[in-house]
N, C-alpha and C. Protein backbone atom coordinates (compact mmCIF):
# COMPACT_ATOMS: atom_id res chain seq x y z
N MET A 1 102.54 47.81 -97.22
CA MET A 1 103.45 48.93 -97.38
C MET A 1 104.50 48.59 -98.43
N ALA A 2 104.95 49.61 -99.12
CA ALA A 2 105.95 49.41 -100.17
C ALA A 2 107.34 49.37 -99.56
N LYS A 3 108.18 48.55 -100.17
CA LYS A 3 109.57 48.47 -99.74
C LYS A 3 110.40 49.47 -100.53
N LYS A 4 111.39 49.99 -99.89
CA LYS A 4 112.30 50.90 -100.58
C LYS A 4 113.41 50.09 -101.23
N ALA A 5 113.69 50.37 -102.47
CA ALA A 5 114.78 49.70 -103.17
C ALA A 5 116.02 50.58 -103.05
N VAL A 6 117.06 50.03 -102.48
CA VAL A 6 118.29 50.78 -102.28
C VAL A 6 119.35 50.22 -103.20
N ALA A 7 119.82 51.04 -104.10
CA ALA A 7 120.85 50.61 -105.05
C ALA A 7 122.22 50.99 -104.50
N THR A 8 123.11 50.04 -104.50
CA THR A 8 124.47 50.33 -104.07
C THR A 8 125.39 50.22 -105.27
N LEU A 9 126.45 50.98 -105.23
CA LEU A 9 127.39 50.99 -106.34
C LEU A 9 128.68 50.27 -105.98
N GLN A 10 128.63 49.43 -104.98
CA GLN A 10 129.82 48.71 -104.58
C GLN A 10 129.89 47.39 -105.34
N THR A 11 131.08 47.07 -105.83
CA THR A 11 131.23 45.88 -106.64
C THR A 11 131.91 44.75 -105.88
N GLY A 12 132.62 45.04 -104.85
CA GLY A 12 133.34 44.02 -104.12
C GLY A 12 134.76 44.44 -103.84
N ASP A 13 135.23 45.45 -104.57
CA ASP A 13 136.57 45.94 -104.34
C ASP A 13 136.57 47.01 -103.25
N LYS A 14 135.42 47.29 -102.68
CA LYS A 14 135.25 48.23 -101.57
C LYS A 14 135.68 49.65 -101.92
N GLU A 15 135.59 50.01 -103.18
CA GLU A 15 135.93 51.35 -103.60
C GLU A 15 134.69 52.23 -103.49
N LYS A 16 134.83 53.38 -102.89
CA LYS A 16 133.71 54.31 -102.70
C LYS A 16 133.49 55.12 -103.97
N TYR A 17 132.24 55.34 -104.30
CA TYR A 17 131.88 56.14 -105.47
C TYR A 17 131.19 57.42 -105.01
N VAL A 18 131.40 58.49 -105.75
CA VAL A 18 130.78 59.77 -105.46
C VAL A 18 130.11 60.28 -106.74
N LYS A 19 129.11 61.11 -106.56
CA LYS A 19 128.42 61.72 -107.69
C LYS A 19 129.02 63.11 -107.91
N VAL A 20 129.54 63.34 -109.12
CA VAL A 20 130.15 64.61 -109.47
C VAL A 20 129.20 65.34 -110.40
N VAL A 21 128.82 66.55 -110.02
CA VAL A 21 127.91 67.38 -110.83
C VAL A 21 128.69 68.63 -111.24
N ARG A 22 128.84 68.80 -112.55
CA ARG A 22 129.55 69.97 -113.07
C ARG A 22 128.60 70.81 -113.91
N MET A 23 128.81 72.12 -113.92
CA MET A 23 128.02 73.00 -114.76
C MET A 23 128.85 73.28 -116.01
N VAL A 24 128.31 72.92 -117.18
CA VAL A 24 129.02 73.11 -118.45
C VAL A 24 128.17 73.97 -119.37
N LYS A 25 128.85 74.69 -120.24
CA LYS A 25 128.16 75.58 -121.18
C LYS A 25 127.94 74.84 -122.49
N SER A 26 126.72 74.87 -123.01
CA SER A 26 126.38 74.21 -124.25
C SER A 26 126.99 74.97 -125.43
N PRO A 27 127.68 74.27 -126.34
CA PRO A 27 128.27 74.96 -127.48
C PRO A 27 127.24 75.47 -128.48
N LYS A 28 126.08 74.83 -128.55
CA LYS A 28 125.05 75.25 -129.50
C LYS A 28 124.31 76.50 -129.05
N THR A 29 123.74 76.45 -127.84
CA THR A 29 122.86 77.52 -127.40
C THR A 29 123.54 78.51 -126.47
N GLY A 30 124.62 78.11 -125.84
CA GLY A 30 125.28 79.00 -124.89
C GLY A 30 124.69 78.92 -123.50
N ALA A 31 123.65 78.12 -123.33
CA ALA A 31 123.02 77.97 -122.02
C ALA A 31 123.84 77.00 -121.17
N TYR A 32 123.72 77.14 -119.88
CA TYR A 32 124.43 76.24 -118.97
C TYR A 32 123.57 75.04 -118.66
N MET A 33 124.22 73.88 -118.54
CA MET A 33 123.52 72.66 -118.17
C MET A 33 124.41 71.89 -117.21
N PHE A 34 123.84 70.90 -116.56
CA PHE A 34 124.56 70.14 -115.55
C PHE A 34 124.93 68.77 -116.09
N ALA A 35 126.20 68.40 -115.94
CA ALA A 35 126.68 67.08 -116.33
C ALA A 35 126.95 66.29 -115.05
N GLU A 36 126.29 65.13 -114.92
CA GLU A 36 126.43 64.31 -113.73
C GLU A 36 127.18 63.04 -114.07
N GLU A 37 128.11 62.64 -113.19
CA GLU A 37 128.89 61.43 -113.38
C GLU A 37 129.04 60.71 -112.05
N MET A 38 129.13 59.40 -112.10
CA MET A 38 129.45 58.60 -110.92
C MET A 38 130.90 58.14 -111.09
N LEU A 39 131.78 58.59 -110.20
CA LEU A 39 133.20 58.29 -110.32
C LEU A 39 133.73 57.72 -109.01
N PRO A 40 134.82 56.96 -109.08
CA PRO A 40 135.48 56.55 -107.85
C PRO A 40 135.99 57.78 -107.10
N GLN A 41 136.02 57.69 -105.80
CA GLN A 41 136.38 58.84 -104.98
C GLN A 41 137.79 59.34 -105.28
N THR A 42 138.67 58.46 -105.70
CA THR A 42 140.05 58.86 -106.00
C THR A 42 140.14 59.70 -107.27
N GLN A 43 139.19 59.57 -108.19
CA GLN A 43 139.24 60.31 -109.45
C GLN A 43 138.36 61.55 -109.44
N ALA A 44 137.64 61.82 -108.36
CA ALA A 44 136.70 62.92 -108.33
C ALA A 44 137.40 64.27 -108.42
N ASP A 45 138.51 64.45 -107.72
CA ASP A 45 139.21 65.74 -107.76
C ASP A 45 139.76 66.04 -109.14
N ALA A 46 140.26 65.03 -109.83
CA ALA A 46 140.80 65.23 -111.16
C ALA A 46 139.68 65.59 -112.15
N ALA A 47 138.50 65.02 -111.98
CA ALA A 47 137.39 65.31 -112.89
C ALA A 47 136.88 66.73 -112.71
N LEU A 48 136.95 67.27 -111.50
CA LEU A 48 136.47 68.62 -111.27
C LEU A 48 137.44 69.68 -111.79
N LYS A 49 138.69 69.32 -112.00
CA LYS A 49 139.68 70.28 -112.49
C LYS A 49 139.67 70.42 -113.99
N LYS A 50 138.87 69.62 -114.70
CA LYS A 50 138.78 69.70 -116.16
C LYS A 50 138.21 71.02 -116.59
């Protein structure tokens, strides 16, 4: 059986990370696309207000 590889984003400072997905409009085509970022939990609210 295959083993599952689990990636963790913890470095040792015990800071929690969250995945932030925003919908942004492309300047070239005008279509919407999704921008994904991995940010510390403390900066997630500020990133969503951009």
